mmCIF file of all heavy atoms, coordinates in Angstrom:
data_MODEL
# 
_entry.id   MODEL 
# 
loop_
_atom_site.group_PDB 
_atom_site.id 
_atom_site.type_symbol 
_atom_site.label_atom_id 
_atom_site.label_alt_id 
_atom_site.label_comp_id 
_atom_site.label_asym_id 
_atom_site.label_entity_id 
_atom_site.label_seq_id 
_atom_site.pdbx_PDB_ins_code 
_atom_site.Cartn_x 
_atom_site.Cartn_y 
_atom_site.Cartn_z 
_atom_site.occupancy 
_atom_site.B_iso_or_equiv 
_atom_site.pdbx_formal_charge 
_atom_site.auth_seq_id 
_atom_site.auth_comp_id 
_atom_site.auth_asym_id 
_atom_site.auth_atom_id 
_atom_site.pdbx_PDB_model_num 
ATOM 1   N N   . TRP A 1 1  ? 11.770  -1.528  -1.125  1.00 0.00 ? 1  TRP A N   1 
ATOM 2   C CA  . TRP A 1 1  ? 11.295  -2.728  -0.417  1.00 0.00 ? 1  TRP A CA  1 
ATOM 3   C C   . TRP A 1 1  ? 10.317  -2.333  0.679   1.00 0.00 ? 1  TRP A C   1 
ATOM 4   O O   . TRP A 1 1  ? 9.257   -2.946  0.836   1.00 0.00 ? 1  TRP A O   1 
ATOM 5   C CB  . TRP A 1 1  ? 12.485  -3.479  0.169   1.00 0.00 ? 1  TRP A CB  1 
ATOM 6   C CG  . TRP A 1 1  ? 12.144  -4.826  0.736   1.00 0.00 ? 1  TRP A CG  1 
ATOM 7   C CD1 . TRP A 1 1  ? 12.255  -6.035  0.105   1.00 0.00 ? 1  TRP A CD1 1 
ATOM 8   C CD2 . TRP A 1 1  ? 11.649  -5.110  2.058   1.00 0.00 ? 1  TRP A CD2 1 
ATOM 9   N NE1 . TRP A 1 1  ? 11.845  -7.041  0.947   1.00 0.00 ? 1  TRP A NE1 1 
ATOM 10  C CE2 . TRP A 1 1  ? 11.465  -6.512  2.137   1.00 0.00 ? 1  TRP A CE2 1 
ATOM 11  C CE3 . TRP A 1 1  ? 11.338  -4.326  3.154   1.00 0.00 ? 1  TRP A CE3 1 
ATOM 12  C CZ2 . TRP A 1 1  ? 10.996  -7.132  3.290   1.00 0.00 ? 1  TRP A CZ2 1 
ATOM 13  C CZ3 . TRP A 1 1  ? 10.854  -4.938  4.305   1.00 0.00 ? 1  TRP A CZ3 1 
ATOM 14  C CH2 . TRP A 1 1  ? 10.695  -6.341  4.366   1.00 0.00 ? 1  TRP A CH2 1 
ATOM 15  N N   . ALA A 1 2  ? 10.660  -1.305  1.443   1.00 0.00 ? 2  ALA A N   1 
ATOM 16  C CA  . ALA A 1 2  ? 9.783   -0.862  2.523   1.00 0.00 ? 2  ALA A CA  1 
ATOM 17  C C   . ALA A 1 2  ? 8.467   -0.324  1.973   1.00 0.00 ? 2  ALA A C   1 
ATOM 18  O O   . ALA A 1 2  ? 7.400   -0.548  2.565   1.00 0.00 ? 2  ALA A O   1 
ATOM 19  C CB  . ALA A 1 2  ? 10.489  0.206   3.357   1.00 0.00 ? 2  ALA A CB  1 
ATOM 20  N N   . ALA A 1 3  ? 8.507   0.381   0.839   1.00 0.00 ? 3  ALA A N   1 
ATOM 21  C CA  . ALA A 1 3  ? 7.277   0.905   0.240   1.00 0.00 ? 3  ALA A CA  1 
ATOM 22  C C   . ALA A 1 3  ? 6.384   -0.239  -0.252  1.00 0.00 ? 3  ALA A C   1 
ATOM 23  O O   . ALA A 1 3  ? 5.157   -0.185  -0.108  1.00 0.00 ? 3  ALA A O   1 
ATOM 24  C CB  . ALA A 1 3  ? 7.617   1.844   -0.919  1.00 0.00 ? 3  ALA A CB  1 
ATOM 25  N N   . ALA A 1 4  ? 6.990   -1.269  -0.828  1.00 0.00 ? 4  ALA A N   1 
ATOM 26  C CA  . ALA A 1 4  ? 6.212   -2.429  -1.264  1.00 0.00 ? 4  ALA A CA  1 
ATOM 27  C C   . ALA A 1 4  ? 5.636   -3.179  -0.073  1.00 0.00 ? 4  ALA A C   1 
ATOM 28  O O   . ALA A 1 4  ? 4.485   -3.648  -0.110  1.00 0.00 ? 4  ALA A O   1 
ATOM 29  C CB  . ALA A 1 4  ? 7.082   -3.361  -2.112  1.00 0.00 ? 4  ALA A CB  1 
ATOM 30  N N   . LYS A 1 5  ? 6.418   -3.292  0.996   1.00 0.00 ? 5  LYS A N   1 
ATOM 31  C CA  . LYS A 1 5  ? 5.945   -3.946  2.209   1.00 0.00 ? 5  LYS A CA  1 
ATOM 32  C C   . LYS A 1 5  ? 4.761   -3.191  2.793   1.00 0.00 ? 5  LYS A C   1 
ATOM 33  O O   . LYS A 1 5  ? 3.763   -3.800  3.222   1.00 0.00 ? 5  LYS A O   1 
ATOM 34  C CB  . LYS A 1 5  ? 7.085   -4.022  3.230   1.00 0.00 ? 5  LYS A CB  1 
ATOM 35  C CG  . LYS A 1 5  ? 6.686   -4.623  4.583   1.00 0.00 ? 5  LYS A CG  1 
ATOM 36  C CD  . LYS A 1 5  ? 6.351   -6.087  4.460   1.00 0.00 ? 5  LYS A CD  1 
ATOM 37  C CE  . LYS A 1 5  ? 6.037   -6.702  5.803   1.00 0.00 ? 5  LYS A CE  1 
ATOM 38  N NZ  . LYS A 1 5  ? 5.658   -8.126  5.698   1.00 0.00 ? 5  LYS A NZ  1 
ATOM 39  N N   . LEU A 1 6  ? 4.851   -1.855  2.830   1.00 0.00 ? 6  LEU A N   1 
ATOM 40  C CA  . LEU A 1 6  ? 3.765   -1.042  3.366   1.00 0.00 ? 6  LEU A CA  1 
ATOM 41  C C   . LEU A 1 6  ? 2.502   -1.196  2.516   1.00 0.00 ? 6  LEU A C   1 
ATOM 42  O O   . LEU A 1 6  ? 1.391   -1.295  3.048   1.00 0.00 ? 6  LEU A O   1 
ATOM 43  C CB  . LEU A 1 6  ? 4.190   0.420   3.418   1.00 0.00 ? 6  LEU A CB  1 
ATOM 44  C CG  . LEU A 1 6  ? 3.164   1.419   3.966   1.00 0.00 ? 6  LEU A CG  1 
ATOM 45  C CD1 . LEU A 1 6  ? 2.692   1.010   5.353   1.00 0.00 ? 6  LEU A CD1 1 
ATOM 46  C CD2 . LEU A 1 6  ? 3.750   2.820   3.977   1.00 0.00 ? 6  LEU A CD2 1 
ATOM 47  N N   . LEU A 1 7  ? 2.668   -1.239  1.191   1.00 0.00 ? 7  LEU A N   1 
ATOM 48  C CA  . LEU A 1 7  ? 1.524   -1.440  0.297   1.00 0.00 ? 7  LEU A CA  1 
ATOM 49  C C   . LEU A 1 7  ? 0.885   -2.801  0.547   1.00 0.00 ? 7  LEU A C   1 
ATOM 50  O O   . LEU A 1 7  ? -0.350  -2.930  0.608   1.00 0.00 ? 7  LEU A O   1 
ATOM 51  C CB  . LEU A 1 7  ? 1.986   -1.325  -1.164  1.00 0.00 ? 7  LEU A CB  1 
ATOM 52  C CG  . LEU A 1 7  ? 0.933   -1.606  -2.242  1.00 0.00 ? 7  LEU A CG  1 
ATOM 53  C CD1 . LEU A 1 7  ? -0.275  -0.681  -2.095  1.00 0.00 ? 7  LEU A CD1 1 
ATOM 54  C CD2 . LEU A 1 7  ? 1.558   -1.463  -3.630  1.00 0.00 ? 7  LEU A CD2 1 
ATOM 55  N N   . GLU A 1 8  ? 1.700   -3.824  0.724   1.00 0.00 ? 8  GLU A N   1 
ATOM 56  C CA  . GLU A 1 8  ? 1.172   -5.161  1.002   1.00 0.00 ? 8  GLU A CA  1 
ATOM 57  C C   . GLU A 1 8  ? 0.429   -5.181  2.343   1.00 0.00 ? 8  GLU A C   1 
ATOM 58  O O   . GLU A 1 8  ? -0.666  -5.761  2.447   1.00 0.00 ? 8  GLU A O   1 
ATOM 59  C CB  . GLU A 1 8  ? 2.314   -6.181  1.017   1.00 0.00 ? 8  GLU A CB  1 
ATOM 60  C CG  . GLU A 1 8  ? 1.845   -7.612  1.228   1.00 0.00 ? 8  GLU A CG  1 
ATOM 61  C CD  . GLU A 1 8  ? 2.990   -8.613  1.293   1.00 0.00 ? 8  GLU A CD  1 
ATOM 62  O OE1 . GLU A 1 8  ? 4.163   -8.187  1.422   1.00 0.00 ? 8  GLU A OE1 1 
ATOM 63  O OE2 . GLU A 1 8  ? 2.724   -9.824  1.218   1.00 0.00 ? 8  GLU A OE2 1 
ATOM 64  N N   . MET A 1 9  ? 1.014   -4.564  3.370   1.00 0.00 ? 9  MET A N   1 
ATOM 65  C CA  . MET A 1 9  ? 0.376   -4.517  4.678   1.00 0.00 ? 9  MET A CA  1 
ATOM 66  C C   . MET A 1 9  ? -0.965  -3.781  4.610   1.00 0.00 ? 9  MET A C   1 
ATOM 67  O O   . MET A 1 9  ? -1.960  -4.201  5.217   1.00 0.00 ? 9  MET A O   1 
ATOM 68  C CB  . MET A 1 9  ? 1.303   -3.816  5.684   1.00 0.00 ? 9  MET A CB  1 
ATOM 69  C CG  . MET A 1 9  ? 2.549   -4.603  6.048   1.00 0.00 ? 9  MET A CG  1 
ATOM 70  S SD  . MET A 1 9  ? 3.798   -3.587  6.895   1.00 0.00 ? 9  MET A SD  1 
ATOM 71  C CE  . MET A 1 9  ? 2.882   -3.032  8.324   1.00 0.00 ? 9  MET A CE  1 
ATOM 72  N N   . THR A 1 10 ? -0.997  -2.680  3.858   1.00 0.00 ? 10 THR A N   1 
ATOM 73  C CA  . THR A 1 10 ? -2.226  -1.900  3.715   1.00 0.00 ? 10 THR A CA  1 
ATOM 74  C C   . THR A 1 10 ? -3.315  -2.729  3.044   1.00 0.00 ? 10 THR A C   1 
ATOM 75  O O   . THR A 1 10 ? -4.479  -2.714  3.470   1.00 0.00 ? 10 THR A O   1 
ATOM 76  C CB  . THR A 1 10 ? -1.945  -0.628  2.894   1.00 0.00 ? 10 THR A CB  1 
ATOM 77  O OG1 . THR A 1 10 ? -0.933  0.153   3.547   1.00 0.00 ? 10 THR A OG1 1 
ATOM 78  C CG2 . THR A 1 10 ? -3.204  0.216   2.735   1.00 0.00 ? 10 THR A CG2 1 
ATOM 79  N N   . ALA A 1 11 ? -2.926  -3.464  1.995   1.00 0.00 ? 11 ALA A N   1 
ATOM 80  C CA  . ALA A 1 11 ? -3.905  -4.287  1.276   1.00 0.00 ? 11 ALA A CA  1 
ATOM 81  C C   . ALA A 1 11 ? -4.410  -5.431  2.140   1.00 0.00 ? 11 ALA A C   1 
ATOM 82  O O   . ALA A 1 11 ? -5.618  -5.709  2.183   1.00 0.00 ? 11 ALA A O   1 
ATOM 83  C CB  . ALA A 1 11 ? -3.281  -4.819  -0.015  1.00 0.00 ? 11 ALA A CB  1 
ATOM 84  N N   . ARG A 1 12 ? -3.515  -6.083  2.852   1.00 0.00 ? 12 ARG A N   1 
ATOM 85  C CA  . ARG A 1 12 ? -3.940  -7.219  3.682   1.00 0.00 ? 12 ARG A CA  1 
ATOM 86  C C   . ARG A 1 12 ? -4.797  -6.761  4.868   1.00 0.00 ? 12 ARG A C   1 
ATOM 87  O O   . ARG A 1 12 ? -5.581  -7.554  5.399   1.00 0.00 ? 12 ARG A O   1 
ATOM 88  C CB  . ARG A 1 12 ? -2.722  -8.009  4.164   1.00 0.00 ? 12 ARG A CB  1 
ATOM 89  C CG  . ARG A 1 12 ? -1.936  -8.657  3.030   1.00 0.00 ? 12 ARG A CG  1 
ATOM 90  C CD  . ARG A 1 12 ? -1.089  -9.813  3.464   1.00 0.00 ? 12 ARG A CD  1 
ATOM 91  N NE  . ARG A 1 12 ? -0.261  -10.324 2.377   1.00 0.00 ? 12 ARG A NE  1 
ATOM 92  C CZ  . ARG A 1 12 ? -0.695  -11.101 1.401   1.00 0.00 ? 12 ARG A CZ  1 
ATOM 93  N NH1 . ARG A 1 12 ? -1.970  -11.443 1.372   1.00 0.00 ? 12 ARG A NH1 1 
ATOM 94  N NH2 . ARG A 1 12 ? 0.117   -11.522 0.449   1.00 0.00 ? 12 ARG A NH2 1 
ATOM 95  N N   . ALA A 1 13 ? -4.641  -5.502  5.256   1.00 0.00 ? 13 ALA A N   1 
ATOM 96  C CA  . ALA A 1 13 ? -5.489  -4.953  6.315   1.00 0.00 ? 13 ALA A CA  1 
ATOM 97  C C   . ALA A 1 13 ? -6.851  -4.515  5.779   1.00 0.00 ? 13 ALA A C   1 
ATOM 98  O O   . ALA A 1 13 ? -7.709  -4.093  6.555   1.00 0.00 ? 13 ALA A O   1 
ATOM 99  C CB  . ALA A 1 13 ? -4.794  -3.775  6.981   1.00 0.00 ? 13 ALA A CB  1 
ATOM 100 N N   . GLY A 1 14 ? -7.046  -4.600  4.451   1.00 0.00 ? 14 GLY A N   1 
ATOM 101 C CA  . GLY A 1 14 ? -8.327  -4.243  3.850   1.00 0.00 ? 14 GLY A CA  1 
ATOM 102 C C   . GLY A 1 14 ? -8.588  -2.754  3.772   1.00 0.00 ? 14 GLY A C   1 
ATOM 103 O O   . GLY A 1 14 ? -9.739  -2.329  3.644   1.00 0.00 ? 14 GLY A O   1 
ATOM 104 N N   . LYS A 1 15 ? -7.542  -1.939  3.811   1.00 0.00 ? 15 LYS A N   1 
ATOM 105 C CA  . LYS A 1 15 ? -7.711  -0.482  3.751   1.00 0.00 ? 15 LYS A CA  1 
ATOM 106 C C   . LYS A 1 15 ? -7.767  -0.028  2.292   1.00 0.00 ? 15 LYS A C   1 
ATOM 107 O O   . LYS A 1 15 ? -6.821  0.546   1.744   1.00 0.00 ? 15 LYS A O   1 
ATOM 108 C CB  . LYS A 1 15 ? -6.562  0.204   4.485   1.00 0.00 ? 15 LYS A CB  1 
ATOM 109 C CG  . LYS A 1 15 ? -6.499  -0.152  5.972   1.00 0.00 ? 15 LYS A CG  1 
ATOM 110 C CD  . LYS A 1 15 ? -5.340  0.538   6.660   1.00 0.00 ? 15 LYS A CD  1 
ATOM 111 C CE  . LYS A 1 15 ? -5.287  0.187   8.144   1.00 0.00 ? 15 LYS A CE  1 
ATOM 112 N NZ  . LYS A 1 15 ? -4.141  0.821   8.833   1.00 0.00 ? 15 LYS A NZ  1 
ATOM 113 N N   . VAL A 1 16 ? -8.896  -0.311  1.661   1.00 0.00 ? 16 VAL A N   1 
ATOM 114 C CA  . VAL A 1 16 ? -9.052  -0.071  0.228   1.00 0.00 ? 16 VAL A CA  1 
ATOM 115 C C   . VAL A 1 16 ? -8.875  1.397   -0.118  1.00 0.00 ? 16 VAL A C   1 
ATOM 116 O O   . VAL A 1 16 ? -8.307  1.740   -1.165  1.00 0.00 ? 16 VAL A O   1 
ATOM 117 C CB  . VAL A 1 16 ? -10.444 -0.571  -0.245  1.00 0.00 ? 16 VAL A CB  1 
ATOM 118 C CG1 . VAL A 1 16 ? -10.649 -0.280  -1.716  1.00 0.00 ? 16 VAL A CG1 1 
ATOM 119 C CG2 . VAL A 1 16 ? -10.600 -2.058  0.042   1.00 0.00 ? 16 VAL A CG2 1 
ATOM 120 N N   . GLU A 1 17 ? -9.343  2.289   0.766   1.00 0.00 ? 17 GLU A N   1 
ATOM 121 C CA  . GLU A 1 17 ? -9.291  3.725   0.472   1.00 0.00 ? 17 GLU A CA  1 
ATOM 122 C C   . GLU A 1 17 ? -7.851  4.245   0.392   1.00 0.00 ? 17 GLU A C   1 
ATOM 123 O O   . GLU A 1 17 ? -7.596  5.300   -0.198  1.00 0.00 ? 17 GLU A O   1 
ATOM 124 C CB  . GLU A 1 17 ? -10.073 4.503   1.537   1.00 0.00 ? 17 GLU A CB  1 
ATOM 125 C CG  . GLU A 1 17 ? -9.445  4.527   2.923   1.00 0.00 ? 17 GLU A CG  1 
ATOM 126 C CD  . GLU A 1 17 ? -9.611  3.234   3.707   1.00 0.00 ? 17 GLU A CD  1 
ATOM 127 O OE1 . GLU A 1 17 ? -10.335 2.327   3.226   1.00 0.00 ? 17 GLU A OE1 1 
ATOM 128 O OE2 . GLU A 1 17 ? -9.009  3.108   4.797   1.00 0.00 ? 17 GLU A OE2 1 
ATOM 129 N N   . ALA A 1 18 ? -6.877  3.518   0.969   1.00 0.00 ? 18 ALA A N   1 
ATOM 130 C CA  . ALA A 1 18 ? -5.479  3.971   0.975   1.00 0.00 ? 18 ALA A CA  1 
ATOM 131 C C   . ALA A 1 18 ? -4.637  3.313   -0.110  1.00 0.00 ? 18 ALA A C   1 
ATOM 132 O O   . ALA A 1 18 ? -3.449  3.637   -0.251  1.00 0.00 ? 18 ALA A O   1 
ATOM 133 C CB  . ALA A 1 18 ? -4.851  3.706   2.344   1.00 0.00 ? 18 ALA A CB  1 
ATOM 134 N N   . LEU A 1 19 ? -5.208  2.404   -0.887  1.00 0.00 ? 19 LEU A N   1 
ATOM 135 C CA  . LEU A 1 19 ? -4.413  1.630   -1.847  1.00 0.00 ? 19 LEU A CA  1 
ATOM 136 C C   . LEU A 1 19 ? -3.796  2.510   -2.926  1.00 0.00 ? 19 LEU A C   1 
ATOM 137 O O   . LEU A 1 19 ? -2.631  2.339   -3.288  1.00 0.00 ? 19 LEU A O   1 
ATOM 138 C CB  . LEU A 1 19 ? -5.277  0.543   -2.500  1.00 0.00 ? 19 LEU A CB  1 
ATOM 139 C CG  . LEU A 1 19 ? -5.762  -0.572  -1.569  1.00 0.00 ? 19 LEU A CG  1 
ATOM 140 C CD1 . LEU A 1 19 ? -6.589  -1.591  -2.341  1.00 0.00 ? 19 LEU A CD1 1 
ATOM 141 C CD2 . LEU A 1 19 ? -4.589  -1.255  -0.882  1.00 0.00 ? 19 LEU A CD2 1 
ATOM 142 N N   . LYS A 1 20 ? -4.557  3.452   -3.480  1.00 0.00 ? 20 LYS A N   1 
ATOM 143 C CA  . LYS A 1 20 ? -4.039  4.295   -4.563  1.00 0.00 ? 20 LYS A CA  1 
ATOM 144 C C   . LYS A 1 20 ? -2.859  5.132   -4.080  1.00 0.00 ? 20 LYS A C   1 
ATOM 145 O O   . LYS A 1 20 ? -1.826  5.236   -4.765  1.00 0.00 ? 20 LYS A O   1 
ATOM 146 C CB  . LYS A 1 20 ? -5.153  5.208   -5.088  1.00 0.00 ? 20 LYS A CB  1 
ATOM 147 C CG  . LYS A 1 20 ? -4.730  6.091   -6.276  1.00 0.00 ? 20 LYS A CG  1 
ATOM 148 C CD  . LYS A 1 20 ? -4.388  5.240   -7.496  1.00 0.00 ? 20 LYS A CD  1 
ATOM 149 C CE  . LYS A 1 20 ? -4.304  6.081   -8.772  1.00 0.00 ? 20 LYS A CE  1 
ATOM 150 N NZ  . LYS A 1 20 ? -3.208  7.058   -8.766  1.00 0.00 ? 20 LYS A NZ  1 
ATOM 151 N N   . GLU A 1 21 ? -2.985  5.718   -2.900  1.00 0.00 ? 21 GLU A N   1 
ATOM 152 C CA  . GLU A 1 21 ? -1.900  6.541   -2.362  1.00 0.00 ? 21 GLU A CA  1 
ATOM 153 C C   . GLU A 1 21 ? -0.639  5.720   -2.147  1.00 0.00 ? 21 GLU A C   1 
ATOM 154 O O   . GLU A 1 21 ? 0.469   6.141   -2.525  1.00 0.00 ? 21 GLU A O   1 
ATOM 155 C CB  . GLU A 1 21 ? -2.335  7.169   -1.036  1.00 0.00 ? 21 GLU A CB  1 
ATOM 156 C CG  . GLU A 1 21 ? -1.238  7.997   -0.377  1.00 0.00 ? 21 GLU A CG  1 
ATOM 157 C CD  . GLU A 1 21 ? -1.611  8.452   1.025   1.00 0.00 ? 21 GLU A CD  1 
ATOM 158 O OE1 . GLU A 1 21 ? -2.750  8.224   1.438   1.00 0.00 ? 21 GLU A OE1 1 
ATOM 159 O OE2 . GLU A 1 21 ? -0.727  9.034   1.705   1.00 0.00 ? 21 GLU A OE2 1 
ATOM 160 N N   . GLU A 1 22 ? -0.784  4.534   -1.554  1.00 0.00 ? 22 GLU A N   1 
ATOM 161 C CA  . GLU A 1 22 ? 0.387   3.698   -1.289  1.00 0.00 ? 22 GLU A CA  1 
ATOM 162 C C   . GLU A 1 22 ? 0.991   3.149   -2.584  1.00 0.00 ? 22 GLU A C   1 
ATOM 163 O O   . GLU A 1 22 ? 2.215   3.031   -2.712  1.00 0.00 ? 22 GLU A O   1 
ATOM 164 C CB  . GLU A 1 22 ? 0.014   2.542   -0.359  1.00 0.00 ? 22 GLU A CB  1 
ATOM 165 C CG  . GLU A 1 22 ? -0.569  2.955   0.985   1.00 0.00 ? 22 GLU A CG  1 
ATOM 166 C CD  . GLU A 1 22 ? 0.400   3.742   1.834   1.00 0.00 ? 22 GLU A CD  1 
ATOM 167 O OE1 . GLU A 1 22 ? 1.556   3.951   1.420   1.00 0.00 ? 22 GLU A OE1 1 
ATOM 168 O OE2 . GLU A 1 22 ? -0.006  4.171   2.930   1.00 0.00 ? 22 GLU A OE2 1 
ATOM 169 N N   . ALA A 1 23 ? 0.134   2.820   -3.554  1.00 0.00 ? 23 ALA A N   1 
ATOM 170 C CA  . ALA A 1 23 ? 0.636   2.332   -4.840  1.00 0.00 ? 23 ALA A CA  1 
ATOM 171 C C   . ALA A 1 23 ? 1.409   3.433   -5.560  1.00 0.00 ? 23 ALA A C   1 
ATOM 172 O O   . ALA A 1 23 ? 2.490   3.189   -6.129  1.00 0.00 ? 23 ALA A O   1 
ATOM 173 C CB  . ALA A 1 23 ? -0.520  1.837   -5.704  1.00 0.00 ? 23 ALA A CB  1 
ATOM 174 N N   . ASP A 1 24 ? 0.871   4.658   -5.551  1.00 0.00 ? 24 ASP A N   1 
ATOM 175 C CA  . ASP A 1 24 ? 1.578   5.779   -6.183  1.00 0.00 ? 24 ASP A CA  1 
ATOM 176 C C   . ASP A 1 24 ? 2.933   6.013   -5.515  1.00 0.00 ? 24 ASP A C   1 
ATOM 177 O O   . ASP A 1 24 ? 3.927   6.292   -6.191  1.00 0.00 ? 24 ASP A O   1 
ATOM 178 C CB  . ASP A 1 24 ? 0.736   7.052   -6.081  1.00 0.00 ? 24 ASP A CB  1 
ATOM 179 C CG  . ASP A 1 24 ? -0.452  7.055   -7.036  1.00 0.00 ? 24 ASP A CG  1 
ATOM 180 O OD1 . ASP A 1 24 ? -0.439  6.265   -8.003  1.00 0.00 ? 24 ASP A OD1 1 
ATOM 181 O OD2 . ASP A 1 24 ? -1.392  7.840   -6.808  1.00 0.00 ? 24 ASP A OD2 1 
ATOM 182 N N   . GLU A 1 25 ? 2.971   5.902   -4.197  1.00 0.00 ? 25 GLU A N   1 
ATOM 183 C CA  . GLU A 1 25 ? 4.225   6.116   -3.485  1.00 0.00 ? 25 GLU A CA  1 
ATOM 184 C C   . GLU A 1 25 ? 5.243   5.038   -3.832  1.00 0.00 ? 25 GLU A C   1 
ATOM 185 O O   . GLU A 1 25 ? 6.434   5.323   -4.020  1.00 0.00 ? 25 GLU A O   1 
ATOM 186 C CB  . GLU A 1 25 ? 3.971   6.144   -1.970  1.00 0.00 ? 25 GLU A CB  1 
ATOM 187 C CG  . GLU A 1 25 ? 5.229   6.275   -1.124  1.00 0.00 ? 25 GLU A CG  1 
ATOM 188 C CD  . GLU A 1 25 ? 6.003   7.555   -1.386  1.00 0.00 ? 25 GLU A CD  1 
ATOM 189 O OE1 . GLU A 1 25 ? 5.433   8.509   -1.966  1.00 0.00 ? 25 GLU A OE1 1 
ATOM 190 O OE2 . GLU A 1 25 ? 7.195   7.594   -1.017  1.00 0.00 ? 25 GLU A OE2 1 
ATOM 191 N N   . PHE A 1 26 ? 4.787   3.777   -3.922  1.00 0.00 ? 26 PHE A N   1 
ATOM 192 C CA  . PHE A 1 26 ? 5.727   2.723   -4.304  1.00 0.00 ? 26 PHE A CA  1 
ATOM 193 C C   . PHE A 1 26 ? 6.274   2.971   -5.710  1.00 0.00 ? 26 PHE A C   1 
ATOM 194 O O   . PHE A 1 26 ? 7.482   2.834   -5.941  1.00 0.00 ? 26 PHE A O   1 
ATOM 195 C CB  . PHE A 1 26 ? 5.072   1.345   -4.275  1.00 0.00 ? 26 PHE A CB  1 
ATOM 196 C CG  . PHE A 1 26 ? 5.938   0.302   -4.925  1.00 0.00 ? 26 PHE A CG  1 
ATOM 197 C CD1 . PHE A 1 26 ? 7.048   -0.199  -4.270  1.00 0.00 ? 26 PHE A CD1 1 
ATOM 198 C CD2 . PHE A 1 26 ? 5.701   -0.111  -6.237  1.00 0.00 ? 26 PHE A CD2 1 
ATOM 199 C CE1 . PHE A 1 26 ? 7.900   -1.102  -4.889  1.00 0.00 ? 26 PHE A CE1 1 
ATOM 200 C CE2 . PHE A 1 26 ? 6.544   -1.018  -6.861  1.00 0.00 ? 26 PHE A CE2 1 
ATOM 201 C CZ  . PHE A 1 26 ? 7.647   -1.515  -6.177  1.00 0.00 ? 26 PHE A CZ  1 
ATOM 202 N N   . VAL A 1 27 ? 5.405   3.331   -6.654  1.00 0.00 ? 27 VAL A N   1 
ATOM 203 C CA  . VAL A 1 27 ? 5.869   3.563   -8.023  1.00 0.00 ? 27 VAL A CA  1 
ATOM 204 C C   . VAL A 1 27 ? 6.868   4.713   -8.059  1.00 0.00 ? 27 VAL A C   1 
ATOM 205 O O   . VAL A 1 27 ? 7.838   4.690   -8.825  1.00 0.00 ? 27 VAL A O   1 
ATOM 206 C CB  . VAL A 1 27 ? 4.677   3.818   -8.961  1.00 0.00 ? 27 VAL A CB  1 
ATOM 207 C CG1 . VAL A 1 27 ? 5.160   4.215   -10.359 1.00 0.00 ? 27 VAL A CG1 1 
ATOM 208 C CG2 . VAL A 1 27 ? 3.803   2.572   -9.069  1.00 0.00 ? 27 VAL A CG2 1 
# 
């Protein structure tokens, strides 16, 4: 849940360069 929340927060902040890293971590 926390990993998904962090991924959502990263995306809503527009940090496109970090999306792949956060998505991999959630998976």
